């Protein structure tokens, strides 16, 4: 009598395991894509913070130098940057466009 109850319980348990109730839908490609997106967003955030930090340091350095030297050198520097800036930036941007990299 006892053996029949145990066998019935085991049979019920086995029938539950044999049924197709454990359907797990894993989309590995979607998981990898989400991981790559997370890594890319972290990289962009780190690059933006680095850019802001370096820009802030450069601006503070320039203003401290101009505070020591005087306002006349600030005007000279602005005129110099106005003249030399496009000469530096245009070739760099053209080389990046021709390489096909995203700016």
C-alpha atoms as a PDB file:
ATOM      1  CA  UNK A   1       0.000   0.000   0.000  1.00  0.00           C
ATOM      2  CA  UNK A   2       2.762   2.350   0.946  1.00  0.00           C
ATOM      3  CA  UNK A   3       4.732   1.415  -2.124  1.00  0.00           C
ATOM      4  CA  UNK A   4       1.824   2.289  -4.415  1.00  0.00           C
ATOM      5  CA  UNK A   5       1.531   5.796  -2.964  1.00  0.00           C
ATOM      6  CA  UNK A   6       5.241   6.407  -3.409  1.00  0.00           C
ATOM      7  CA  UNK A   7       5.114   5.038  -6.933  1.00  0.00           C
ATOM      8  CA  UNK A   8       2.125   7.246  -7.718  1.00  0.00           C
ATOM      9  CA  UNK A   9       3.937  10.303  -6.345  1.00  0.00           C
ATOM     10  CA  UNK A  10       7.024   9.437  -8.355  1.00  0.00           C
ATOM     11  CA  UNK A  11       4.938   8.893 -11.464  1.00  0.00           C
ATOM     12  CA  UNK A  12       3.207  12.236 -10.979  1.00  0.00           C
ATOM     13  CA  UNK A  13       6.552  13.942 -10.467  1.00  0.00           C
ATOM     14  CA  UNK A  14       8.007  12.291 -13.557  1.00  0.00           C
ATOM     15  CA  UNK A  15       4.994  13.292 -15.644  1.00  0.00           C
ATOM     16  CA  UNK A  16       5.447  16.902 -14.583  1.00  0.00           C
ATOM     17  CA  UNK A  17       9.107  16.795 -15.619  1.00  0.00           C
ATOM     18  CA  UNK A  18       8.365  15.109 -18.899  1.00  0.00           C
ATOM     19  CA  UNK A  19       5.813  17.711 -19.945  1.00  0.00           C
ATOM     20  CA  UNK A  20       7.039  20.665 -21.922  1.00  0.00           C
ATOM     21  CA  UNK A  21       6.369  23.269 -19.251  1.00  0.00           C
ATOM     22  CA  UNK A  22       9.921  24.500 -18.905  1.00  0.00           C
ATOM     23  CA  UNK A  23      10.108  26.566 -22.036  1.00  0.00           C
ATOM     24  CA  UNK A  24      12.787  29.181 -21.603  1.00  0.00           C
ATOM     25  CA  UNK A  25      13.064  31.527 -24.527  1.00  0.00           C
ATOM     26  CA  UNK A  26      16.646  32.790 -24.558  1.00  0.00           C
ATOM     27  CA  UNK A  27      17.645  35.042 -27.387  1.00  0.00           C
ATOM     28  CA  UNK A  28      21.420  35.007 -27.176  1.00  0.00           C
ATOM     29  CA  UNK A  29      21.852  37.494 -30.012  1.00  0.00           C
ATOM     30  CA  UNK A  30      19.630  40.002 -28.217  1.00  0.00           C
ATOM     31  CA  UNK A  31      21.546  39.534 -24.961  1.00  0.00           C
ATOM     32  CA  UNK A  32      24.889  40.102 -26.714  1.00  0.00           C
ATOM     33  CA  UNK A  33      23.506  43.176 -28.492  1.00  0.00           C
ATOM     34  CA  UNK A  34      22.290  44.631 -25.190  1.00  0.00           C
ATOM     35  CA  UNK A  35      25.688  43.995 -23.607  1.00  0.00           C
ATOM     36  CA  UNK A  36      27.461  45.724 -26.498  1.00  0.00           C
ATOM     37  CA  UNK A  37      25.095  48.699 -26.227  1.00  0.00           C
ATOM     38  CA  UNK A  38      25.817  48.981 -22.511  1.00  0.00           C
ATOM     39  CA  UNK A  39      29.562  48.836 -23.115  1.00  0.00           C
ATOM     40  CA  UNK A  40      29.300  51.475 -25.840  1.00  0.00           C
ATOM     41  CA  UNK A  41      27.236  53.816 -23.667  1.00  0.00           C
ATOM     42  CA  UNK A  42      29.762  53.477 -20.820  1.00  0.00           C
ATOM     43  CA  UNK A  43      32.602  54.229 -23.228  1.00  0.00           C
ATOM     44  CA  UNK A  44      30.790  57.316 -24.567  1.00  0.00           C
ATOM     45  CA  UNK A  45      30.062  58.533 -21.045  1.00  0.00           C
ATOM     46  CA  UNK A  46      33.718  58.093 -20.050  1.00  0.00           C
ATOM     47  CA  UNK A  47      34.914  59.915 -23.199  1.00  0.00           C
ATOM     48  CA  UNK A  48      32.501  62.803 -22.578  1.00  0.00           C
ATOM     49  CA  UNK A  49      33.632  63.171 -18.958  1.00  0.00           C
ATOM     50  CA  UNK A  50      37.264  63.050 -20.041  1.00  0.00           C
ATOM     51  CA  UNK A  51      36.619  65.719 -22.700  1.00  0.00           C
ATOM     52  CA  UNK A  52      34.842  67.986 -20.214  1.00  0.00           C
ATOM     53  CA  UNK A  53      37.605  67.531 -17.625  1.00  0.00           C
ATOM     54  CA  UNK A  54      40.429  68.256 -20.049  1.00  0.00           C
ATOM     55  CA  UNK A  55      38.566  71.259 -21.503  1.00  0.00           C
ATOM     56  CA  UNK A  56      38.009  72.659 -18.034  1.00  0.00           C
ATOM     57  CA  UNK A  57      41.705  72.215 -17.165  1.00  0.00           C
ATOM     58  CA  UNK A  58      42.813  73.940 -20.377  1.00  0.00           C
ATOM     59  CA  UNK A  59      40.464  76.886 -19.790  1.00  0.00           C
ATOM     60  CA  UNK A  60      41.620  77.288 -16.176  1.00  0.00           C
ATOM     61  CA  UNK A  61      45.263  77.095 -17.300  1.00  0.00           C
ATOM     62  CA  UNK A  62      44.765  79.732 -20.003  1.00  0.00           C
ATOM     63  CA  UNK A  63      42.950  82.128 -17.681  1.00  0.00           C
ATOM     64  CA  UNK A  64      45.603  81.729 -14.998  1.00  0.00           C
ATOM     65  CA  UNK A  65      48.333  82.447 -17.566  1.00  0.00           C
ATOM     66  CA  UNK A  66      46.456  85.493 -18.859  1.00  0.00           C
ATOM     67  CA  UNK A  67      45.882  86.686 -15.319  1.00  0.00           C
ATOM     68  CA  UNK A  68      49.644  86.632 -14.751  1.00  0.00           C
ATOM     69  CA  UNK A  69      50.708  88.042 -18.160  1.00  0.00           C
ATOM     70  CA  UNK A  70      47.956  90.560 -18.737  1.00  0.00           C
ATOM     71  CA  UNK A  71      44.919  91.112 -20.946  1.00  0.00           C
ATOM     72  CA  UNK A  72      46.976  92.092 -23.996  1.00  0.00           C
ATOM     73  CA  UNK A  73      48.270  88.526 -24.404  1.00  0.00           C
ATOM     74  CA  UNK A  74      44.720  87.220 -24.249  1.00  0.00           C
ATOM     75  CA  UNK A  75      43.819  89.322 -27.281  1.00  0.00           C
ATOM     76  CA  UNK A  76      46.927  88.091 -29.124  1.00  0.00           C
ATOM     77  CA  UNK A  77      46.038  84.512 -28.302  1.00  0.00           C
ATOM     78  CA  UNK A  78      42.461  84.954 -29.540  1.00  0.00           C
ATOM     79  CA  UNK A  79      43.637  86.425 -32.839  1.00  0.00           C
ATOM     80  CA  UNK A  80      46.183  83.613 -33.211  1.00  0.00           C
ATOM     81  CA  UNK A  81      43.514  80.947 -32.547  1.00  0.00           C
ATOM     82  CA  UNK A  82      41.131  82.646 -34.965  1.00  0.00           C
ATOM     83  CA  UNK A  83      43.732  82.481 -37.722  1.00  0.00           C
ATOM     84  CA  UNK A  84      45.302  79.078 -37.019  1.00  0.00           C
ATOM     85  CA  UNK A  85      42.156  77.202 -35.913  1.00  0.00           C
ATOM     86  CA  UNK A  86      40.654  76.515 -39.345  1.00  0.00           C
ATOM     87  CA  UNK A  87      44.076  75.575 -40.722  1.00  0.00           C
ATOM     88  CA  UNK A  88      44.301  72.812 -38.089  1.00  0.00           C
ATOM     89  CA  UNK A  89      40.667  71.668 -37.908  1.00  0.00           C
ATOM     90  CA  UNK A  90      39.797  71.369 -41.622  1.00  0.00           C
ATOM     91  CA  UNK A  91      42.528  68.825 -42.576  1.00  0.00           C
ATOM     92  CA  UNK A  92      41.773  66.704 -39.507  1.00  0.00           C
ATOM     93  CA  UNK A  93      38.045  66.597 -40.265  1.00  0.00           C
ATOM     94  CA  UNK A  94      38.667  65.809 -43.944  1.00  0.00           C
ATOM     95  CA  UNK A  95      41.004  62.939 -43.061  1.00  0.00           C
ATOM     96  CA  UNK A  96      38.400  61.469 -40.696  1.00  0.00           C
ATOM     97  CA  UNK A  97      35.672  61.729 -43.332  1.00  0.00           C
ATOM     98  CA  UNK A  98      37.818  60.053 -46.004  1.00  0.00           C
ATOM     99  CA  UNK A  99      38.749  57.229 -43.585  1.00  0.00           C
ATOM    100  CA  UNK A 100      35.054  56.543 -43.113  1.00  0.00           C
ATOM    101  CA  UNK A 101      35.111  56.750 -39.332  1.00  0.00           C
ATOM    102  CA  UNK A 102      32.179  58.244 -37.463  1.00  0.00           C
ATOM    103  CA  UNK A 103      32.810  61.657 -35.993  1.00  0.00           C
END
